[in-house]
Amino acid sequence: MYTDTEGIILRQTKTVNGRRMLTLFSLKYGKISAGTGINERGRGKNALAMRPFTHGRYELFKSRDTYNINGAEVIHSYYGIGEDVDKYMTCAYILEFTEKLLPEEQPVPQLFYLLAEFFSVMEKRKNRFETLVIAYQLKALSICGHQPVLDGCVHCGSKETAVLFDIKEGGLVCADCAQKYPSNNPNVSLIYEINFGIVNILRYFLNNPLSGFEKLALDPPLEKLLRAMIKDYVDYHLDLGQLKSEGFLPG
């Protein structure tokens, strides 16, 4: 069967005889593996759509168990990402995170458009990319059904001011419930002290589009804290494994 779909290439691997195996985040089919003989170093429209950080349209031949990309064209090329090493590595990390987060062959259009929006904002942004990474990851987790509890205490549902973020329990903890935690809690490394401002930032990220964060940058200590919280949360609840690109993120 011949078909086509918008897509973003998450990863590609060289195989034999000049062919490549691609992991494609397709709008129509979700995350799929597809073979192709198209070389990204060519000059035609097919080759341009095989390059990193490109939103393209891909012509597919779909058999019972496999896909093959027969042709492609660019819808939008975020070429500005490749002009900055730190920006490139940050976007490579987001591609790897998204690939790990996605289920096989299940369309997730909201996440697809979020990823394209992330590239668009990153292309324009000059520095301090980590704030945008935090916002993307939090929104991606929400889309995929893994959002931490941020609308009340994870134990009692109270809307009173939260004082802790409990990774193991998956969300905010109010002052009353926090007092019930034992002083020798074995999960202390997975419990973060927080304040009203941090909760507001997390909710703001969830409820506003990435396009509004183009010039937003958190204070470095707060940025570091939120990054650690989200990393611990993802590691504990999703078990995505070590992301190879994480070690290349700008400090």
C-alpha atoms as a PDB file:
ATOM      1  CA  MET A   1       0.000   0.000   0.000  1.00  0.00           C
ATOM      2  CA  TYR A   2       1.282   3.466  -0.920  1.00  0.00           C
ATOM      3  CA  THR A   3       0.607   6.304   1.494  1.00  0.00           C
ATOM      4  CA  ASP A   4       2.157   9.494   2.789  1.00  0.00           C
ATOM      5  CA  THR A   5       2.495  11.312   6.099  1.00  0.00           C
ATOM      6  CA  GLU A   6       4.071  14.324   7.684  1.00  0.00           C
ATOM      7  CA  GLY A   7       6.986  13.317   9.860  1.00  0.00           C
ATOM      8  CA  ILE A   8      10.138  14.200  11.773  1.00  0.00           C
ATOM      9  CA  ILE A   9      13.136  11.856  11.680  1.00  0.00           C
ATOM     10  CA  LEU A  10      14.174  10.874  15.190  1.00  0.00           C
ATOM     11  CA  ARG A  11      17.154   8.712  14.300  1.00  0.00           C
ATOM     12  CA  GLN A  12      18.834   7.070  11.321  1.00  0.00           C
ATOM     13  CA  THR A  13      21.306   4.209  11.010  1.00  0.00           C
ATOM     14  CA  LYS A  14      23.356   3.182   7.988  1.00  0.00           C
ATOM     15  CA  THR A  15      22.828  -0.404   6.861  1.00  0.00           C
ATOM     16  CA  VAL A  16      24.132  -2.118   3.695  1.00  0.00           C
ATOM     17  CA  ASN A  17      24.397  -0.990   0.078  1.00  0.00           C
ATOM     18  CA  GLY A  18      23.927   2.663   0.948  1.00  0.00           C
ATOM     19  CA  ARG A  19      20.559   2.110   2.600  1.00  0.00           C
ATOM     20  CA  ARG A  20      19.443   3.566   5.916  1.00  0.00           C
ATOM     21  CA  MET A  21      16.997   2.516   8.582  1.00  0.00           C
ATOM     22  CA  LEU A  22      15.085   5.473   9.988  1.00  0.00           C
ATOM     23  CA  THR A  23      13.030   5.955  13.102  1.00  0.00           C
ATOM     24  CA  LEU A  24      10.318   8.318  11.922  1.00  0.00           C
ATOM     25  CA  PHE A  25       7.865  10.169  14.139  1.00  0.00           C
ATOM     26  CA  SER A  26       4.984  10.251  11.697  1.00  0.00           C
ATOM     27  CA  LEU A  27       1.825  12.254  12.186  1.00  0.00           C
ATOM     28  CA  LYS A  28      -0.364   9.499  10.735  1.00  0.00           C
ATOM     29  CA  TYR A  29       1.201   6.327  12.173  1.00  0.00           C
ATOM     30  CA  GLY A  30       3.195   7.473  15.207  1.00  0.00           C
ATOM     31  CA  LYS A  31       6.740   6.168  15.730  1.00  0.00           C
ATOM     32  CA  ILE A  32       7.702   3.744  12.951  1.00  0.00           C
ATOM     33  CA  SER A  33      10.854   2.143  11.545  1.00  0.00           C
ATOM     34  CA  ALA A  34      11.324   2.645   7.818  1.00  0.00           C
ATOM     35  CA  GLY A  35      14.041   1.719   5.350  1.00  0.00           C
ATOM     36  CA  THR A  36      15.180   4.001   2.537  1.00  0.00           C
ATOM     37  CA  GLY A  37      17.831   4.322  -0.127  1.00  0.00           C
ATOM     38  CA  ILE A  38      17.675   8.134  -0.099  1.00  0.00           C
ATOM     39  CA  ASN A  39      20.949   9.743   0.994  1.00  0.00           C
ATOM     40  CA  GLU A  40      20.722  12.937   3.038  1.00  0.00           C
ATOM     41  CA  ARG A  41      23.885  14.263   1.369  1.00  0.00           C
ATOM     42  CA  GLY A  42      22.194  14.524  -2.010  1.00  0.00           C
ATOM     43  CA  ARG A  43      20.900  17.797  -3.413  1.00  0.00           C
ATOM     44  CA  GLY A  44      17.365  16.924  -4.411  1.00  0.00           C
ATOM     45  CA  LYS A  45      14.190  17.550  -2.435  1.00  0.00           C
ATOM     46  CA  ASN A  46      14.236  13.941  -1.204  1.00  0.00           C
ATOM     47  CA  ALA A  47      17.681  14.355   0.359  1.00  0.00           C
ATOM     48  CA  LEU A  48      16.851  17.651   2.078  1.00  0.00           C
ATOM     49  CA  ALA A  49      13.975  16.019   3.954  1.00  0.00           C
ATOM     50  CA  MET A  50      16.344  13.377   5.365  1.00  0.00           C
ATOM     51  CA  ARG A  51      18.439  15.873   7.279  1.00  0.00           C
ATOM     52  CA  PRO A  52      18.203  16.433  11.044  1.00  0.00           C
ATOM     53  CA  PHE A  53      15.581  18.778  12.481  1.00  0.00           C
ATOM     54  CA  THR A  54      13.386  18.794   9.396  1.00  0.00           C
ATOM     55  CA  HIS A  55       9.602  18.621   9.292  1.00  0.00           C
ATOM     56  CA  GLY A  56       8.835  16.792   6.052  1.00  0.00           C
ATOM     57  CA  ARG A  57       6.278  14.882   4.071  1.00  0.00           C
ATOM     58  CA  TYR A  58       7.255  11.276   3.412  1.00  0.00           C
ATOM     59  CA  GLU A  59       5.948   8.938   0.715  1.00  0.00           C
ATOM     60  CA  LEU A  60       5.745   5.441   2.172  1.00  0.00           C
ATOM     61  CA  PHE A  61       5.228   1.949   0.873  1.00  0.00           C
ATOM     62  CA  LYS A  62       3.606   0.007   3.679  1.00  0.00           C
ATOM     63  CA  SER A  63       3.621  -3.781   3.581  1.00  0.00           C
ATOM     64  CA  ARG A  64       2.266  -6.018   6.301  1.00  0.00           C
ATOM     65  CA  ASP A  65       5.164  -5.525   8.739  1.00  0.00           C
ATOM     66  CA  THR A  66       7.493  -2.948   7.178  1.00  0.00           C
ATOM     67  CA  TYR A  67       7.684   0.589   5.821  1.00  0.00           C
ATOM     68  CA  ASN A  68       9.904   1.993   3.095  1.00  0.00           C
ATOM     69  CA  ILE A  69      10.387   5.678   2.308  1.00  0.00           C
ATOM     70  CA  ASN A  70      10.235   6.145  -1.454  1.00  0.00           C
ATOM     71  CA  GLY A  71      10.207   9.936  -1.587  1.00  0.00           C
ATOM     72  CA  ALA A  72      10.171  13.005   0.616  1.00  0.00           C
ATOM     73  CA  GLU A  73       9.926  16.768   0.598  1.00  0.00           C
ATOM     74  CA  VAL A  74      10.572  19.502   3.146  1.00  0.00           C
ATOM     75  CA  ILE A  75       7.674  21.238   4.857  1.00  0.00           C
ATOM     76  CA  HIS A  76       9.920  23.231   7.178  1.00  0.00           C
ATOM     77  CA  SER A  77      13.675  23.020   7.688  1.00  0.00           C
ATOM     78  CA  TYR A  78      14.949  24.326  11.013  1.00  0.00           C
ATOM     79  CA  TYR A  79      18.402  24.873   9.557  1.00  0.00           C
ATOM     80  CA  GLY A  80      19.296  27.500  12.166  1.00  0.00           C
ATOM     81  CA  ILE A  81      19.578  24.746  14.793  1.00  0.00           C
ATOM     82  CA  GLY A  82      22.665  23.352  13.065  1.00  0.00           C
ATOM     83  CA  GLU A  83      24.467  26.687  13.215  1.00  0.00           C
ATOM     84  CA  ASP A  84      25.056  26.490  16.983  1.00  0.00           C
ATOM     85  CA  VAL A  85      26.698  23.463  18.636  1.00  0.00           C
ATOM     86  CA  ASP A  86      24.911  23.845  21.977  1.00  0.00           C
ATOM     87  CA  LYS A  87      21.578  24.344  20.255  1.00  0.00           C
ATOM     88  CA  TYR A  88      22.200  21.284  18.067  1.00  0.00           C
ATOM     89  CA  MET A  89      23.062  19.056  21.030  1.00  0.00           C
ATOM     90  CA  THR A  90      20.052  20.286  23.005  1.00  0.00           C
ATOM     91  CA  CYS A  91      17.727  19.422  20.127  1.00  0.00           C
ATOM     92  CA  ALA A  92      19.447  16.045  19.671  1.00  0.00           C
ATOM     93  CA  TYR A  93      18.695  15.323  23.327  1.00  0.00           C
ATOM     94  CA  ILE A  94      15.025  16.228  22.840  1.00  0.00           C
ATOM     95  CA  LEU A  95      14.820  13.926  19.805  1.00  0.00           C
ATOM     96  CA  GLU A  96      16.236  11.040  21.838  1.00  0.00           C
ATOM     97  CA  PHE A  97      13.940  11.793  24.794  1.00  0.00           C
ATOM     98  CA  THR A  98      10.922  11.912  22.482  1.00  0.00           C
ATOM     99  CA  GLU A  99      11.869   8.645  20.792  1.00  0.00           C
ATOM    100  CA  LYS A 100      12.134   6.890  24.155  1.00  0.00           C
ATOM    101  CA  LEU A 101       8.838   8.371  25.339  1.00  0.00           C
ATOM    102  CA  LEU A 102       6.809   7.389  22.271  1.00  0.00           C
ATOM    103  CA  PRO A 103       5.021   4.043  21.989  1.00  0.00           C
ATOM    104  CA  GLU A 104       5.406   2.081  18.739  1.00  0.00           C
ATOM    105  CA  GLU A 105       2.935   2.816  15.935  1.00  0.00           C
ATOM    106  CA  GLN A 106       0.492   4.883  17.981  1.00  0.00           C
ATOM    107  CA  PRO A 107      -0.244   8.365  16.602  1.00  0.00           C
ATOM    108  CA  VAL A 108       0.344  11.170  19.112  1.00  0.00           C
ATOM    109  CA  PRO A 109      -0.451  14.296  17.062  1.00  0.00           C
ATOM    110  CA  GLN A 110      -0.336  16.673  20.019  1.00  0.00           C
ATOM    111  CA  LEU A 111       3.249  15.626  20.772  1.00  0.00           C
ATOM    112  CA  PHE A 112       4.172  15.813  17.092  1.00  0.00           C
ATOM    113  CA  TYR A 113       3.113  19.450  16.901  1.00  0.00           C
ATOM    114  CA  LEU A 114       4.786  20.179  20.251  1.00  0.00           C
ATOM    115  CA  LEU A 115       8.097  18.862  18.883  1.00  0.00           C
ATOM    116  CA  ALA A 116       7.777  21.024  15.761  1.00  0.00           C
ATOM    117  CA  GLU A 117       6.973  24.011  17.977  1.00  0.00           C
ATOM    118  CA  PHE A 118      10.051  23.269  20.112  1.00  0.00           C
ATOM    119  CA  PHE A 119      12.282  23.345  17.026  1.00  0.00           C
ATOM    120  CA  SER A 120      10.713  26.613  15.881  1.00  0.00           C
ATOM    121  CA  VAL A 121      11.351  28.325  19.216  1.00  0.00           C
ATOM    122  CA  MET A 122      14.850  26.841  19.570  1.00  0.00           C
ATOM    123  CA  GLU A 123      15.834  28.093  16.137  1.00  0.00           C
ATOM    124  CA  LYS A 124      15.135  31.674  17.248  1.00  0.00           C
ATOM    125  CA  ARG A 125      16.502  31.408  20.784  1.00  0.00           C
ATOM    126  CA  LYS A 126      20.033  32.711  21.401  1.00  0.00           C
ATOM    127  CA  ASN A 127      21.006  31.024  24.703  1.00  0.00           C
ATOM    128  CA  ARG A 128      19.741  29.542  27.983  1.00  0.00           C
ATOM    129  CA  PHE A 129      18.157  26.547  26.241  1.00  0.00           C
ATOM    130  CA  GLU A 130      17.615  24.565  29.444  1.00  0.00           C
ATOM    131  CA  THR A 131      14.451  26.488  30.399  1.00  0.00           C
ATOM    132  CA  LEU A 132      12.828  25.441  27.133  1.00  0.00           C
ATOM    133  CA  VAL A 133      13.926  21.817  27.654  1.00  0.00           C
ATOM    134  CA  ILE A 134      12.201  21.738  31.058  1.00  0.00           C
ATOM    135  CA  ALA A 135       8.993  23.158  29.586  1.00  0.00           C
ATOM    136  CA  TYR A 136       9.030  20.682  26.676  1.00  0.00           C
ATOM    137  CA  GLN A 137       9.605  17.659  28.879  1.00  0.00           C
ATOM    138  CA  LEU A 138       6.849  18.614  31.300  1.00  0.00           C
ATOM    139  CA  LYS A 139       4.363  19.172  28.466  1.00  0.00           C
ATOM    140  CA  ALA A 140       5.440  15.959  26.700  1.00  0.00           C
ATOM    141  CA  LEU A 141       4.933  13.949  29.888  1.00  0.00           C
ATOM    142  CA  SER A 142       1.454  15.426  30.229  1.00  0.00           C
ATOM    143  CA  ILE A 143       0.522  14.574  26.627  1.00  0.00           C
ATOM    144  CA  CYS A 144       1.666  10.969  27.077  1.00  0.00           C
ATOM    145  CA  GLY A 145      -0.232  10.486  30.333  1.00  0.00           C
ATOM    146  CA  HIS A 146       2.725  10.700  32.726  1.00  0.00           C
ATOM    147  CA  GLN A 147       2.125  14.144  34.214  1.00  0.00           C
ATOM    148  CA  PRO A 148       3.020  14.606  37.891  1.00  0.00           C
ATOM    149  CA  VAL A 149       0.209  15.659  40.239  1.00  0.00           C
ATOM    150  CA  LEU A 150       0.352  19.458  40.365  1.00  0.00           C
ATOM    151  CA  ASP A 151      -3.243  20.443  41.135  1.00  0.00           C
ATOM    152  CA  GLY A 152      -3.233  19.359  44.793  1.00  0.00           C
ATOM    153  CA  CYS A 153      -1.568  17.145  47.379  1.00  0.00           C
ATOM    154  CA  VAL A 154      -0.827  13.676  46.011  1.00  0.00           C
ATOM    155  CA  HIS A 155      -1.917  12.152  49.349  1.00  0.00           C
ATOM    156  CA  CYS A 156      -5.025  14.076  50.446  1.00  0.00           C
ATOM    157  CA  GLY A 157      -5.903  16.282  47.467  1.00  0.00           C
ATOM    158  CA  SER A 158      -5.577  19.494  49.479  1.00  0.00           C
ATOM    159  CA  LYS A 159      -5.171  22.669  47.452  1.00  0.00           C
ATOM    160  CA  GLU A 160      -3.188  24.289  50.256  1.00  0.00           C
ATOM    161  CA  THR A 161       0.360  25.427  49.557  1.00  0.00           C
ATOM    162  CA  ALA A 162       2.651  22.508  48.729  1.00  0.00           C
ATOM    163  CA  VAL A 163       5.982  22.218  50.528  1.00  0.00           C
ATOM    164  CA  LEU A 164       7.408  19.036  48.967  1.00  0.00           C
ATOM    165  CA  PHE A 165       7.615  17.331  45.598  1.00  0.00           C
ATOM    166  CA  ASP A 166       7.712  13.572  46.167  1.00  0.00           C
ATOM    167  CA  ILE A 167       9.172  11.743  43.169  1.00  0.00           C
ATOM    168  CA  LYS A 168       8.081   8.278  44.338  1.00  0.00           C
ATOM    169  CA  GLU A 169       4.491   9.347  45.030  1.00  0.00           C
ATOM    170  CA  GLY A 170       4.381  11.358  41.817  1.00  0.00           C
ATOM    171  CA  GLY A 171       3.598  14.912  42.831  1.00  0.00           C
ATOM    172  CA  LEU A 172       3.048  17.676  45.356  1.00  0.00           C
ATOM    173  CA  VAL A 173       2.732  17.179  49.107  1.00  0.00           C
ATOM    174  CA  CYS A 174       0.977  19.687  51.370  1.00  0.00           C
ATOM    175  CA  ALA A 175       2.367  20.860  54.724  1.00  0.00           C
ATOM    176  CA  ASP A 176       0.036  18.650  56.793  1.00  0.00           C
ATOM    177  CA  CYS A 177       0.981  15.460  54.925  1.00  0.00           C
ATOM    178  CA  ALA A 178       4.652  16.429  54.907  1.00  0.00           C
ATOM    179  CA  GLN A 179       4.611  16.425  58.722  1.00  0.00           C
ATOM    180  CA  LYS A 180       3.655  12.739  58.648  1.00  0.00           C
ATOM    181  CA  TYR A 181       6.835  11.779  56.790  1.00  0.00           C
ATOM    182  CA  PRO A 182       9.313   9.963  59.067  1.00  0.00           C
ATOM    183  CA  SER A 183      12.509  11.814  59.879  1.00  0.00           C
ATOM    184  CA  ASN A 184      14.532   8.835  58.640  1.00  0.00           C
ATOM    185  CA  ASN A 185      12.573   8.484  55.367  1.00  0.00           C
ATOM    186  CA  PRO A 186      14.515   6.038  53.148  1.00  0.00           C
ATOM    187  CA  ASN A 187      13.318   7.913  50.042  1.00  0.00           C
ATOM    188  CA  VAL A 188      14.718  11.268  51.137  1.00  0.00           C
ATOM    189  CA  SER A 189      16.823  11.548  47.973  1.00  0.00           C
ATOM    190  CA  LEU A 190      13.600  11.496  45.952  1.00  0.00           C
ATOM    191  CA  ILE A 191      11.913  14.270  47.931  1.00  0.00           C
ATOM    192  CA  TYR A 192      12.443  17.926  47.041  1.00  0.00           C
ATOM    193  CA  GLU A 193      11.594  20.934  49.173  1.00  0.00           C
ATOM    194  CA  ILE A 194       9.673  23.436  47.070  1.00  0.00           C
ATOM    195  CA  ASN A 195       7.764  26.683  47.400  1.00  0.00           C
ATOM    196  CA  PHE A 196       4.748  28.391  45.877  1.00  0.00           C
ATOM    197  CA  GLY A 197       6.874  29.981  43.149  1.00  0.00           C
ATOM    198  CA  ILE A 198       8.145  26.640  41.863  1.00  0.00           C
ATOM    199  CA  VAL A 199       4.615  25.217  41.691  1.00  0.00           C
ATOM    200  CA  ASN A 200       3.454  28.281  39.762  1.00  0.00           C
ATOM    201  CA  ILE A 201       6.282  27.855  37.246  1.00  0.00           C
ATOM    202  CA  LEU A 202       5.436  24.195  36.644  1.00  0.00           C
ATOM    203  CA  ARG A 203       1.754  25.042  36.140  1.00  0.00           C
ATOM    204  CA  TYR A 204       2.658  27.949  33.866  1.00  0.00           C
ATOM    205  CA  PHE A 205       4.764  25.665  31.682  1.00  0.00           C
ATOM    206  CA  LEU A 206       1.896  23.198  31.386  1.00  0.00           C
ATOM    207  CA  ASN A 207      -0.779  25.736  30.569  1.00  0.00           C
ATOM    208  CA  ASN A 208       0.980  27.970  28.027  1.00  0.00           C
ATOM    209  CA  PRO A 209       2.407  27.332  24.538  1.00  0.00           C
ATOM    210  CA  LEU A 210       6.134  26.941  24.010  1.00  0.00           C
ATOM    211  CA  SER A 211       6.025  29.834  21.560  1.00  0.00           C
ATOM    212  CA  GLY A 212       5.521  32.134  24.542  1.00  0.00           C
ATOM    213  CA  PHE A 213       8.787  30.985  26.140  1.00  0.00           C
ATOM    214  CA  GLU A 214      11.143  32.231  23.420  1.00  0.00           C
ATOM    215  CA  LYS A 215      12.745  34.832  25.700  1.00  0.00           C
ATOM    216  CA  LEU A 216      11.903  33.283  29.078  1.00  0.00           C
ATOM    217  CA  ALA A 217      14.870  32.100  31.148  1.00  0.00           C
ATOM    218  CA  LEU A 218      14.768  30.875  34.739  1.00  0.00           C
ATOM    219  CA  ASP A 219      17.393  31.815  37.295  1.00  0.00           C
ATOM    220  CA  PRO A 220      20.217  29.231  37.071  1.00  0.00           C
ATOM    221  CA  PRO A 221      19.711  27.738  40.589  1.00  0.00           C
ATOM    222  CA  LEU A 222      15.981  27.300  39.984  1.00  0.00           C
ATOM    223  CA  GLU A 223      16.619  25.911  36.520  1.00  0.00           C
ATOM    224  CA  LYS A 224      19.061  23.370  37.990  1.00  0.00           C
ATOM    225  CA  LEU A 225      16.543  22.310  40.655  1.00  0.00           C
ATOM    226  CA  LEU A 226      13.678  21.812  38.183  1.00  0.00           C
ATOM    227  CA  ARG A 227      15.937  19.915  35.792  1.00  0.00           C
ATOM    228  CA  ALA A 228      16.964  17.535  38.597  1.00  0.00           C
ATOM    229  CA  MET A 229      13.337  17.048  39.682  1.00  0.00           C
ATOM    230  CA  ILE A 230      12.169  16.172  36.182  1.00  0.00           C
ATOM    231  CA  LYS A 231      15.128  13.876  35.556  1.00  0.00           C
ATOM    232  CA  ASP A 232      14.475  11.964  38.790  1.00  0.00           C
ATOM    233  CA  TYR A 233      10.762  11.806  38.006  1.00  0.00           C
ATOM    234  CA  VAL A 234      11.371  10.427  34.499  1.00  0.00           C
ATOM    235  CA  ASP A 235      14.002   7.957  35.707  1.00  0.00           C
ATOM    236  CA  TYR A 236      11.755   6.630  38.476  1.00  0.00           C
ATOM    237  CA  HIS A 237       8.411   6.407  36.658  1.00  0.00           C
ATOM    238  CA  LEU A 238       9.334   5.761  33.024  1.00  0.00           C
ATOM    239  CA  ASP A 239      12.654   3.890  33.118  1.00  0.00           C
ATOM    240  CA  LEU A 240      13.779   5.298  29.771  1.00  0.00           C
ATOM    241  CA  GLY A 241      17.377   4.260  30.408  1.00  0.00           C
ATOM    242  CA  GLN A 242      20.467   6.372  29.929  1.00  0.00           C
ATOM    243  CA  LEU A 243      20.089   8.906  27.118  1.00  0.00           C
ATOM    244  CA  LYS A 244      23.345   9.029  25.158  1.00  0.00           C
ATOM    245  CA  SER A 245      22.920  12.668  24.210  1.00  0.00           C
ATOM    246  CA  GLU A 246      22.404  13.826  27.801  1.00  0.00           C
ATOM    247  CA  GLY A 247      26.141  14.001  28.454  1.00  0.00           C
ATOM    248  CA  PHE A 248      26.540  16.530  25.655  1.00  0.00           C
ATOM    249  CA  LEU A 249      23.994  19.028  26.945  1.00  0.00           C
ATOM    250  CA  PRO A 250      25.418  22.495  27.597  1.00  0.00           C
ATOM    251  CA  GLY A 251      26.111  23.054  31.286  1.00  0.00           C
END
